C-alpha cells in the first residue's frame, strides 16, 4: 500500500508553490532578523481512516514520530507548559525559542497549562464514556483569558472534536496555522496518537482522523527543500500501533507505541525556523 501521506504532502507542496499567495508583514523572523515570509493556501482539509491503517506519516523524510508522541504526553498527560519537564523527561528542546518572558522556564499559559487549568482531558473522557453520542466532545486550547494572562505563542493546533460512530472514535483536528514542511506531519501523527489513547481509555477503536488547516504554508527559505521532496519516491504505508492492555489514559507511555514498516528517504533535510 502506497503511503497516503506522501501523496497528500506532495499535492500540498505543488498547490502552495504553484497557486499559493505570499504573505505580507509576517510576525515571525529568522534568527538573523530577516522577516520569515511564507507562501500559503487556505482552508485545507485531509482525512485518513485509521481503522484501515491509513496513517498520516510521510516517508519522504524522517519524521521524529517518537518525539511527536512525547510532546503530546507532555501536553495532555503532564498537563504543563514547564520546559524543564519537556527537556528532562522527554529530551525535547524545540520549544526553547518560544520561552515566556513573563513566566521564564515555561511557554506561558498555553497548551498543557490550559489543559490542566480547565480540566479538559478528564471532562472529555467523562463525556465520551457517559454520553458517547453527544456532540460536545470538544477540547479548545483557544482561551483568550490565557493569552492576556501571559506572553507565549498562541496555539496552532488549537481545537479537537471527537465523535463516537458505532464502536469507532473519530477525531477532527483544527489548526489556525501549519508549517507544512516542518510541523504538519508531526502534528498529524501526534494527534492520531492522542486519538488512540482516548479510544483505548473509552473502549473504542480509532476511526477517521481529519485535519482542517486555515493557513497552510511553506517558508521562503524552505522552497528548495520542497522541490527536493517533490522529486523523492513515495514509500510504503507505515503503521502505528498502541500495543497495551492499559485502559487508564494517564498510564500510557511512549513504550506502548510501536511503529511498523517505517522506511524513509534520506538524507535528512534541515529547516531554518521562523520564530
C-alpha atoms as a PDB file:
ATOM      1  CA  UNK A   1       0.000   0.000   0.000  1.00  0.00           C
ATOM      2  CA  UNK A   2       1.465   3.348  -1.065  1.00  0.00           C
ATOM      3  CA  UNK A   3       1.862   5.922   1.709  1.00  0.00           C
ATOM      4  CA  UNK A   4      -1.197   8.169   1.518  1.00  0.00           C
ATOM      5  CA  UNK A   5       0.515  10.928   3.469  1.00  0.00           C
ATOM      6  CA  UNK A   6       3.301  11.128   0.860  1.00  0.00           C
ATOM      7  CA  UNK A   7       0.731  11.700  -1.884  1.00  0.00           C
ATOM      8  CA  UNK A   8      -1.086  14.361   0.150  1.00  0.00           C
ATOM      9  CA  UNK A   9       2.186  16.046   1.134  1.00  0.00           C
ATOM     10  CA  UNK A  10       3.350  16.362  -2.476  1.00  0.00           C
ATOM     11  CA  UNK A  11      -0.051  17.642  -3.602  1.00  0.00           C
ATOM     12  CA  UNK A  12       0.098  20.332  -0.912  1.00  0.00           C
ATOM     13  CA  UNK A  13       3.620  21.368  -1.915  1.00  0.00           C
ATOM     14  CA  UNK A  14       2.574  21.695  -5.553  1.00  0.00           C
ATOM     15  CA  UNK A  15      -0.569  23.647  -4.687  1.00  0.00           C
ATOM     16  CA  UNK A  16       1.320  26.090  -2.462  1.00  0.00           C
ATOM     17  CA  UNK A  17       4.260  26.614  -4.830  1.00  0.00           C
ATOM     18  CA  UNK A  18       2.062  26.942  -7.922  1.00  0.00           C
ATOM     19  CA  UNK A  19      -1.051  28.662  -6.616  1.00  0.00           C
ATOM     20  CA  UNK A  20      -0.230  29.950  -3.129  1.00  0.00           C
ATOM     21  CA  UNK A  21      -0.240  33.596  -2.017  1.00  0.00           C
ATOM     22  CA  UNK A  22       2.719  35.411  -0.455  1.00  0.00           C
ATOM     23  CA  UNK A  23       2.005  36.896   2.958  1.00  0.00           C
ATOM     24  CA  UNK A  24       2.754  40.497   3.959  1.00  0.00           C
ATOM     25  CA  UNK A  25       4.372  41.908   7.103  1.00  0.00           C
ATOM     26  CA  UNK A  26       4.927  38.471   8.722  1.00  0.00           C
ATOM     27  CA  UNK A  27       5.217  38.193  12.509  1.00  0.00           C
ATOM     28  CA  UNK A  28       7.981  35.522  12.514  1.00  0.00           C
ATOM     29  CA  UNK A  29      11.632  36.296  11.803  1.00  0.00           C
ATOM     30  CA  UNK A  30      14.605  34.102  11.076  1.00  0.00           C
ATOM     31  CA  UNK A  31      17.422  34.156  13.627  1.00  0.00           C
ATOM     32  CA  UNK A  32      19.343  36.680  11.514  1.00  0.00           C
ATOM     33  CA  UNK A  33      16.417  39.106  11.900  1.00  0.00           C
ATOM     34  CA  UNK A  34      15.116  38.738   8.352  1.00  0.00           C
ATOM     35  CA  UNK A  35      11.311  38.591   8.056  1.00  0.00           C
ATOM     36  CA  UNK A  36      10.194  34.973   7.526  1.00  0.00           C
ATOM     37  CA  UNK A  37       7.866  35.210   4.554  1.00  0.00           C
ATOM     38  CA  UNK A  38       5.623  32.337   3.528  1.00  0.00           C
ATOM     39  CA  UNK A  39       3.564  31.253   0.577  1.00  0.00           C
ATOM     40  CA  UNK A  40       0.217  29.841   1.698  1.00  0.00           C
ATOM     41  CA  UNK A  41      -3.138  28.336   0.832  1.00  0.00           C
ATOM     42  CA  UNK A  42      -6.285  28.437   2.971  1.00  0.00           C
ATOM     43  CA  UNK A  43      -8.987  26.000   4.090  1.00  0.00           C
ATOM     44  CA  UNK A  44      -7.009  22.807   3.578  1.00  0.00           C
ATOM     45  CA  UNK A  45      -8.618  19.508   4.642  1.00  0.00           C
ATOM     46  CA  UNK A  46      -7.306  15.937   4.674  1.00  0.00           C
ATOM     47  CA  UNK A  47      -8.830  12.717   6.058  1.00  0.00           C
ATOM     48  CA  UNK A  48      -7.327   9.339   6.975  1.00  0.00           C
ATOM     49  CA  UNK A  49      -9.158   6.210   8.133  1.00  0.00           C
ATOM     50  CA  UNK A  50      -7.042   4.896  10.990  1.00  0.00           C
ATOM     51  CA  UNK A  51      -9.186   1.744  11.196  1.00  0.00           C
ATOM     52  CA  UNK A  52      -7.906   0.907   7.700  1.00  0.00           C
ATOM     53  CA  UNK A  53      -4.262   1.608   8.575  1.00  0.00           C
ATOM     54  CA  UNK A  54      -4.222   4.950   6.781  1.00  0.00           C
ATOM     55  CA  UNK A  55      -1.703   6.751   8.977  1.00  0.00           C
ATOM     56  CA  UNK A  56      -0.560  10.343   8.275  1.00  0.00           C
ATOM     57  CA  UNK A  57       3.183   9.592   8.443  1.00  0.00           C
ATOM     58  CA  UNK A  58       5.239  10.738   5.454  1.00  0.00           C
ATOM     59  CA  UNK A  59       8.227   8.690   4.297  1.00  0.00           C
ATOM     60  CA  UNK A  60       9.699  11.445   2.081  1.00  0.00           C
ATOM     61  CA  UNK A  61      11.958  12.382   5.004  1.00  0.00           C
ATOM     62  CA  UNK A  62      12.403  11.135   8.541  1.00  0.00           C
ATOM     63  CA  UNK A  63       9.756  12.372  10.968  1.00  0.00           C
ATOM     64  CA  UNK A  64      10.520  12.230  14.695  1.00  0.00           C
ATOM     65  CA  UNK A  65       7.444  10.167  15.482  1.00  0.00           C
ATOM     66  CA  UNK A  66       8.625   9.285  18.987  1.00  0.00           C
ATOM     67  CA  UNK A  67       9.300  12.932  19.885  1.00  0.00           C
ATOM     68  CA  UNK A  68       5.940  13.939  18.419  1.00  0.00           C
ATOM     69  CA  UNK A  69       4.128  11.499  20.695  1.00  0.00           C
ATOM     70  CA  UNK A  70       6.233  12.536  23.698  1.00  0.00           C
ATOM     71  CA  UNK A  71       5.171  16.144  23.170  1.00  0.00           C
ATOM     72  CA  UNK A  72       1.524  15.093  23.210  1.00  0.00           C
ATOM     73  CA  UNK A  73       2.131  13.248  26.505  1.00  0.00           C
ATOM     74  CA  UNK A  74       3.657  16.452  27.918  1.00  0.00           C
ATOM     75  CA  UNK A  75       0.585  18.447  26.904  1.00  0.00           C
ATOM     76  CA  UNK A  76      -2.267  16.064  27.741  1.00  0.00           C
ATOM     77  CA  UNK A  77      -0.853  13.772  30.449  1.00  0.00           C
ATOM     78  CA  UNK A  78       1.605  16.005  32.316  1.00  0.00           C
ATOM     79  CA  UNK A  79      -0.650  18.982  31.570  1.00  0.00           C
ATOM     80  CA  UNK A  80       2.073  21.563  31.952  1.00  0.00           C
ATOM     81  CA  UNK A  81       3.925  24.189  29.948  1.00  0.00           C
ATOM     82  CA  UNK A  82       7.089  23.679  32.009  1.00  0.00           C
ATOM     83  CA  UNK A  83      10.041  23.411  29.621  1.00  0.00           C
ATOM     84  CA  UNK A  84      12.223  21.596  32.157  1.00  0.00           C
ATOM     85  CA  UNK A  85       9.765  18.668  32.154  1.00  0.00           C
ATOM     86  CA  UNK A  86       9.735  18.628  28.361  1.00  0.00           C
ATOM     87  CA  UNK A  87      13.552  18.598  28.257  1.00  0.00           C
ATOM     88  CA  UNK A  88      14.411  16.411  31.239  1.00  0.00           C
ATOM     89  CA  UNK A  89      11.629  13.841  30.919  1.00  0.00           C
ATOM     90  CA  UNK A  90      11.342  13.666  27.126  1.00  0.00           C
ATOM     91  CA  UNK A  91      14.586  15.204  25.796  1.00  0.00           C
ATOM     92  CA  UNK A  92      12.692  17.613  23.539  1.00  0.00           C
ATOM     93  CA  UNK A  93      14.097  21.104  23.006  1.00  0.00           C
ATOM     94  CA  UNK A  94      12.150  22.502  20.050  1.00  0.00           C
ATOM     95  CA  UNK A  95      10.036  24.791  22.258  1.00  0.00           C
ATOM     96  CA  UNK A  96      13.057  26.605  23.727  1.00  0.00           C
ATOM     97  CA  UNK A  97      12.828  29.542  21.310  1.00  0.00           C
ATOM     98  CA  UNK A  98       9.282  30.280  22.478  1.00  0.00           C
ATOM     99  CA  UNK A  99      10.065  30.549  26.215  1.00  0.00           C
ATOM    100  CA  UNK A 100       7.833  33.019  28.030  1.00  0.00           C
ATOM    101  CA  UNK A 101       9.396  36.256  29.268  1.00  0.00           C
ATOM    102  CA  UNK A 102       6.720  36.716  31.937  1.00  0.00           C
ATOM    103  CA  UNK A 103       6.919  33.106  33.154  1.00  0.00           C
ATOM    104  CA  UNK A 104      10.527  32.002  32.453  1.00  0.00           C
ATOM    105  CA  UNK A 105      11.050  28.280  32.077  1.00  0.00           C
ATOM    106  CA  UNK A 106       7.608  27.828  30.504  1.00  0.00           C
ATOM    107  CA  UNK A 107       5.810  28.642  27.247  1.00  0.00           C
ATOM    108  CA  UNK A 108       3.279  30.667  29.225  1.00  0.00           C
ATOM    109  CA  UNK A 109      -0.323  29.761  29.923  1.00  0.00           C
ATOM    110  CA  UNK A 110      -0.549  27.680  26.769  1.00  0.00           C
ATOM    111  CA  UNK A 111      -1.178  24.084  25.678  1.00  0.00           C
ATOM    112  CA  UNK A 112      -0.661  21.770  28.682  1.00  0.00           C
ATOM    113  CA  UNK A 113      -1.200  24.505  31.246  1.00  0.00           C
ATOM    114  CA  UNK A 114      -4.525  25.314  29.589  1.00  0.00           C
ATOM    115  CA  UNK A 115      -5.473  21.608  29.643  1.00  0.00           C
ATOM    116  CA  UNK A 116      -4.745  21.494  33.389  1.00  0.00           C
ATOM    117  CA  UNK A 117      -6.372  24.831  34.197  1.00  0.00           C
ATOM    118  CA  UNK A 118      -9.738  23.834  32.711  1.00  0.00           C
ATOM    119  CA  UNK A 119      -9.507  20.081  33.443  1.00  0.00           C
ATOM    120  CA  UNK A 120     -10.077  19.458  29.746  1.00  0.00           C
ATOM    121  CA  UNK A 121      -8.967  15.828  29.384  1.00  0.00           C
ATOM    122  CA  UNK A 122     -10.870  14.496  32.388  1.00  0.00           C
ATOM    123  CA  UNK A 123     -14.040  16.292  31.285  1.00  0.00           C
ATOM    124  CA  UNK A 124     -13.665  14.908  27.756  1.00  0.00           C
ATOM    125  CA  UNK A 125     -13.153  11.316  28.937  1.00  0.00           C
ATOM    126  CA  UNK A 126     -16.158  11.571  31.229  1.00  0.00           C
ATOM    127  CA  UNK A 127     -18.413  12.902  28.453  1.00  0.00           C
ATOM    128  CA  UNK A 128     -17.371  10.242  25.948  1.00  0.00           C
ATOM    129  CA  UNK A 129     -17.875   7.427  28.469  1.00  0.00           C
ATOM    130  CA  UNK A 130     -21.216   8.648  29.805  1.00  0.00           C
ATOM    131  CA  UNK A 131     -22.762  10.309  26.753  1.00  0.00           C
ATOM    132  CA  UNK A 132     -20.913   8.758  23.795  1.00  0.00           C
ATOM    133  CA  UNK A 133     -23.245  10.085  21.090  1.00  0.00           C
ATOM    134  CA  UNK A 134     -23.148  13.616  22.434  1.00  0.00           C
ATOM    135  CA  UNK A 135     -21.998  16.285  20.031  1.00  0.00           C
ATOM    136  CA  UNK A 136     -19.990  18.324  22.521  1.00  0.00           C
ATOM    137  CA  UNK A 137     -16.822  16.247  22.815  1.00  0.00           C
ATOM    138  CA  UNK A 138     -14.515  19.209  22.257  1.00  0.00           C
ATOM    139  CA  UNK A 139     -11.192  20.376  23.621  1.00  0.00           C
ATOM    140  CA  UNK A 140     -10.393  24.023  22.875  1.00  0.00           C
ATOM    141  CA  UNK A 141      -6.959  25.425  23.671  1.00  0.00           C
ATOM    142  CA  UNK A 142      -8.006  28.828  22.334  1.00  0.00           C
ATOM    143  CA  UNK A 143      -8.659  30.668  25.592  1.00  0.00           C
ATOM    144  CA  UNK A 144      -8.456  34.458  25.300  1.00  0.00           C
ATOM    145  CA  UNK A 145      -8.070  34.922  29.060  1.00  0.00           C
ATOM    146  CA  UNK A 146      -4.959  32.741  28.985  1.00  0.00           C
ATOM    147  CA  UNK A 147      -3.460  34.860  26.203  1.00  0.00           C
ATOM    148  CA  UNK A 148      -3.942  38.038  28.235  1.00  0.00           C
ATOM    149  CA  UNK A 149      -2.506  36.370  31.338  1.00  0.00           C
ATOM    150  CA  UNK A 150       0.902  35.666  29.794  1.00  0.00           C
ATOM    151  CA  UNK A 151       3.015  36.006  26.686  1.00  0.00           C
ATOM    152  CA  UNK A 152       3.620  32.979  24.500  1.00  0.00           C
ATOM    153  CA  UNK A 153       2.861  31.539  21.089  1.00  0.00           C
ATOM    154  CA  UNK A 154      -0.877  31.178  20.629  1.00  0.00           C
ATOM    155  CA  UNK A 155      -1.648  27.508  19.888  1.00  0.00           C
ATOM    156  CA  UNK A 156      -1.536  26.432  16.252  1.00  0.00           C
ATOM    157  CA  UNK A 157      -3.294  23.095  16.767  1.00  0.00           C
ATOM    158  CA  UNK A 158      -5.964  24.590  18.994  1.00  0.00           C
ATOM    159  CA  UNK A 159      -9.139  22.513  18.789  1.00  0.00           C
ATOM    160  CA  UNK A 160     -10.070  18.832  18.709  1.00  0.00           C
ATOM    161  CA  UNK A 161     -13.579  17.473  18.134  1.00  0.00           C
ATOM    162  CA  UNK A 162     -14.339  13.843  18.918  1.00  0.00           C
ATOM    163  CA  UNK A 163     -17.292  11.832  17.612  1.00  0.00           C
ATOM    164  CA  UNK A 164     -18.409   8.304  18.507  1.00  0.00           C
ATOM    165  CA  UNK A 165     -19.647   6.314  15.485  1.00  0.00           C
ATOM    166  CA  UNK A 166     -20.724   2.796  16.500  1.00  0.00           C
ATOM    167  CA  UNK A 167     -17.529   1.439  18.112  1.00  0.00           C
ATOM    168  CA  UNK A 168     -15.274   3.996  16.391  1.00  0.00           C
ATOM    169  CA  UNK A 169     -13.926   7.245  17.786  1.00  0.00           C
ATOM    170  CA  UNK A 170     -13.366   9.849  15.054  1.00  0.00           C
ATOM    171  CA  UNK A 171     -11.212  12.914  15.575  1.00  0.00           C
ATOM    172  CA  UNK A 172     -11.142  16.270  13.806  1.00  0.00           C
ATOM    173  CA  UNK A 173      -8.107  18.484  14.447  1.00  0.00           C
ATOM    174  CA  UNK A 174      -8.417  22.184  13.644  1.00  0.00           C
ATOM    175  CA  UNK A 175      -5.320  24.323  13.154  1.00  0.00           C
ATOM    176  CA  UNK A 176      -5.206  28.068  12.628  1.00  0.00           C
ATOM    177  CA  UNK A 177      -1.775  27.733  11.024  1.00  0.00           C
ATOM    178  CA  UNK A 178       0.543  24.939   9.879  1.00  0.00           C
ATOM    179  CA  UNK A 179       4.131  24.946   8.623  1.00  0.00           C
ATOM    180  CA  UNK A 180       3.791  22.192   6.014  1.00  0.00           C
ATOM    181  CA  UNK A 181       7.383  21.002   5.748  1.00  0.00           C
ATOM    182  CA  UNK A 182       8.435  21.249   9.398  1.00  0.00           C
ATOM    183  CA  UNK A 183       5.406  20.669  11.614  1.00  0.00           C
ATOM    184  CA  UNK A 184       2.442  19.331   9.647  1.00  0.00           C
ATOM    185  CA  UNK A 185       3.444  15.664   9.758  1.00  0.00           C
ATOM    186  CA  UNK A 186       4.399  15.940  13.432  1.00  0.00           C
ATOM    187  CA  UNK A 187       1.011  17.423  14.329  1.00  0.00           C
ATOM    188  CA  UNK A 188      -0.863  14.781  12.348  1.00  0.00           C
ATOM    189  CA  UNK A 189       0.727  11.738  13.901  1.00  0.00           C
ATOM    190  CA  UNK A 190       0.794  13.088  17.450  1.00  0.00           C
ATOM    191  CA  UNK A 191      -2.939  13.764  17.371  1.00  0.00           C
ATOM    192  CA  UNK A 192      -3.571  10.311  15.945  1.00  0.00           C
ATOM    193  CA  UNK A 193      -1.631   9.012  18.955  1.00  0.00           C
ATOM    194  CA  UNK A 194      -3.914  11.078  21.209  1.00  0.00           C
ATOM    195  CA  UNK A 195      -6.931   9.636  19.371  1.00  0.00           C
ATOM    196  CA  UNK A 196      -5.617   6.128  20.008  1.00  0.00           C
ATOM    197  CA  UNK A 197      -5.069   6.815  23.715  1.00  0.00           C
ATOM    198  CA  UNK A 198      -8.526   8.269  24.235  1.00  0.00           C
ATOM    199  CA  UNK A 199     -10.123   5.471  22.205  1.00  0.00           C
ATOM    200  CA  UNK A 200      -8.393   2.837  24.339  1.00  0.00           C
ATOM    201  CA  UNK A 201      -9.444   4.624  27.533  1.00  0.00           C
ATOM    202  CA  UNK A 202     -13.087   4.634  26.414  1.00  0.00           C
ATOM    203  CA  UNK A 203     -13.302   1.110  24.982  1.00  0.00           C
ATOM    204  CA  UNK A 204     -13.460   2.334  21.402  1.00  0.00           C
ATOM    205  CA  UNK A 205     -11.481   1.877  18.173  1.00  0.00           C
ATOM    206  CA  UNK A 206      -9.762   4.789  16.373  1.00  0.00           C
ATOM    207  CA  UNK A 207     -11.740   5.672  13.255  1.00  0.00           C
ATOM    208  CA  UNK A 208     -11.414   8.679  10.973  1.00  0.00           C
ATOM    209  CA  UNK A 209      -8.809  11.379  11.524  1.00  0.00           C
ATOM    210  CA  UNK A 210      -9.448  14.671   9.757  1.00  0.00           C
ATOM    211  CA  UNK A 211      -7.223  17.741   9.832  1.00  0.00           C
ATOM    212  CA  UNK A 212      -8.527  21.184   8.891  1.00  0.00           C
ATOM    213  CA  UNK A 213      -5.992  23.990   8.433  1.00  0.00           C
ATOM    214  CA  UNK A 214      -6.918  27.631   7.977  1.00  0.00           C
ATOM    215  CA  UNK A 215      -3.456  28.699   6.730  1.00  0.00           C
ATOM    216  CA  UNK A 216      -1.103  26.026   5.352  1.00  0.00           C
ATOM    217  CA  UNK A 217       2.226  27.484   4.320  1.00  0.00           C
ATOM    218  CA  UNK A 218       5.822  26.976   3.233  1.00  0.00           C
ATOM    219  CA  UNK A 219       8.531  29.424   4.345  1.00  0.00           C
ATOM    220  CA  UNK A 220      10.508  31.141   1.583  1.00  0.00           C
ATOM    221  CA  UNK A 221      13.773  29.599   2.807  1.00  0.00           C
ATOM    222  CA  UNK A 222      12.204  26.129   2.502  1.00  0.00           C
ATOM    223  CA  UNK A 223      11.349  26.271  -1.202  1.00  0.00           C
ATOM    224  CA  UNK A 224      14.498  24.374  -2.204  1.00  0.00           C
ATOM    225  CA  UNK A 225      13.722  21.598   0.284  1.00  0.00           C
ATOM    226  CA  UNK A 226      10.153  21.475  -1.017  1.00  0.00           C
ATOM    227  CA  UNK A 227      11.391  20.729  -4.515  1.00  0.00           C
ATOM    228  CA  UNK A 228      13.727  18.028  -3.181  1.00  0.00           C
ATOM    229  CA  UNK A 229      10.748  16.331  -1.514  1.00  0.00           C
ATOM    230  CA  UNK A 230       8.742  16.502  -4.731  1.00  0.00           C
ATOM    231  CA  UNK A 231      11.443  14.511  -6.506  1.00  0.00           C
ATOM    232  CA  UNK A 232      11.586  11.708  -3.941  1.00  0.00           C
ATOM    233  CA  UNK A 233       9.735   8.426  -4.429  1.00  0.00           C
ATOM    234  CA  UNK A 234       6.590   7.712  -2.434  1.00  0.00           C
ATOM    235  CA  UNK A 235       7.154   4.995   0.162  1.00  0.00           C
ATOM    236  CA  UNK A 236       5.005   2.215   1.563  1.00  0.00           C
ATOM    237  CA  UNK A 237       2.381   2.911   4.220  1.00  0.00           C
ATOM    238  CA  UNK A 238       3.753   2.939   7.803  1.00  0.00           C
ATOM    239  CA  UNK A 239       1.547   1.686  10.649  1.00  0.00           C
ATOM    240  CA  UNK A 240       1.372   2.969  14.228  1.00  0.00           C
ATOM    241  CA  UNK A 241       0.045   0.676  16.955  1.00  0.00           C
ATOM    242  CA  UNK A 242      -0.825   1.169  20.610  1.00  0.00           C
ATOM    243  CA  UNK A 243       0.177  -2.239  21.972  1.00  0.00           C
ATOM    244  CA  UNK A 244      -1.015  -2.452  25.558  1.00  0.00           C
ATOM    245  CA  UNK A 245      -3.809  -3.744  27.774  1.00  0.00           C
ATOM    246  CA  UNK A 246      -3.813  -0.486  29.728  1.00  0.00           C
ATOM    247  CA  UNK A 247      -7.053   1.471  29.741  1.00  0.00           C
ATOM    248  CA  UNK A 248      -6.153   4.414  32.009  1.00  0.00           C
ATOM    249  CA  UNK A 249      -5.301   7.442  29.885  1.00  0.00           C
ATOM    250  CA  UNK A 250      -2.580   8.532  32.290  1.00  0.00           C
ATOM    251  CA  UNK A 251      -0.814   5.149  32.265  1.00  0.00           C
ATOM    252  CA  UNK A 252       0.161   5.125  28.576  1.00  0.00           C
ATOM    253  CA  UNK A 253       3.844   5.706  27.818  1.00  0.00           C
ATOM    254  CA  UNK A 254       5.912   6.075  24.684  1.00  0.00           C
ATOM    255  CA  UNK A 255       6.931   2.428  25.072  1.00  0.00           C
ATOM    256  CA  UNK A 256       3.326   1.358  24.425  1.00  0.00           C
ATOM    257  CA  UNK A 257       3.523   2.637  20.844  1.00  0.00           C
ATOM    258  CA  UNK A 258       5.007   0.606  18.010  1.00  0.00           C
ATOM    259  CA  UNK A 259       5.836   1.974  14.573  1.00  0.00           C
ATOM    260  CA  UNK A 260       5.882  -0.638  11.808  1.00  0.00           C
ATOM    261  CA  UNK A 261       7.073  -0.543   8.182  1.00  0.00           C
ATOM    262  CA  UNK A 262       8.650   2.897   8.537  1.00  0.00           C
ATOM    263  CA  UNK A 263      11.264   3.271   5.806  1.00  0.00           C
ATOM    264  CA  UNK A 264      12.030   6.875   4.907  1.00  0.00           C
ATOM    265  CA  UNK A 265      14.059   8.708   2.286  1.00  0.00           C
ATOM    266  CA  UNK A 266      17.403  10.286   3.084  1.00  0.00           C
ATOM    267  CA  UNK A 267      19.437  12.367   3.546  1.00  0.00           C
ATOM    268  CA  UNK A 268      17.519  14.297   6.159  1.00  0.00           C
ATOM    269  CA  UNK A 269      16.703  17.913   5.368  1.00  0.00           C
ATOM    270  CA  UNK A 270      17.375  20.876   7.645  1.00  0.00           C
ATOM    271  CA  UNK A 271      14.952  23.767   8.028  1.00  0.00           C
ATOM    272  CA  UNK A 272      15.625  27.265   9.326  1.00  0.00           C
ATOM    273  CA  UNK A 273      12.747  28.209  11.604  1.00  0.00           C
ATOM    274  CA  UNK A 274      10.769  31.411  11.652  1.00  0.00           C
ATOM    275  CA  UNK A 275      10.468  32.408  15.307  1.00  0.00           C
END
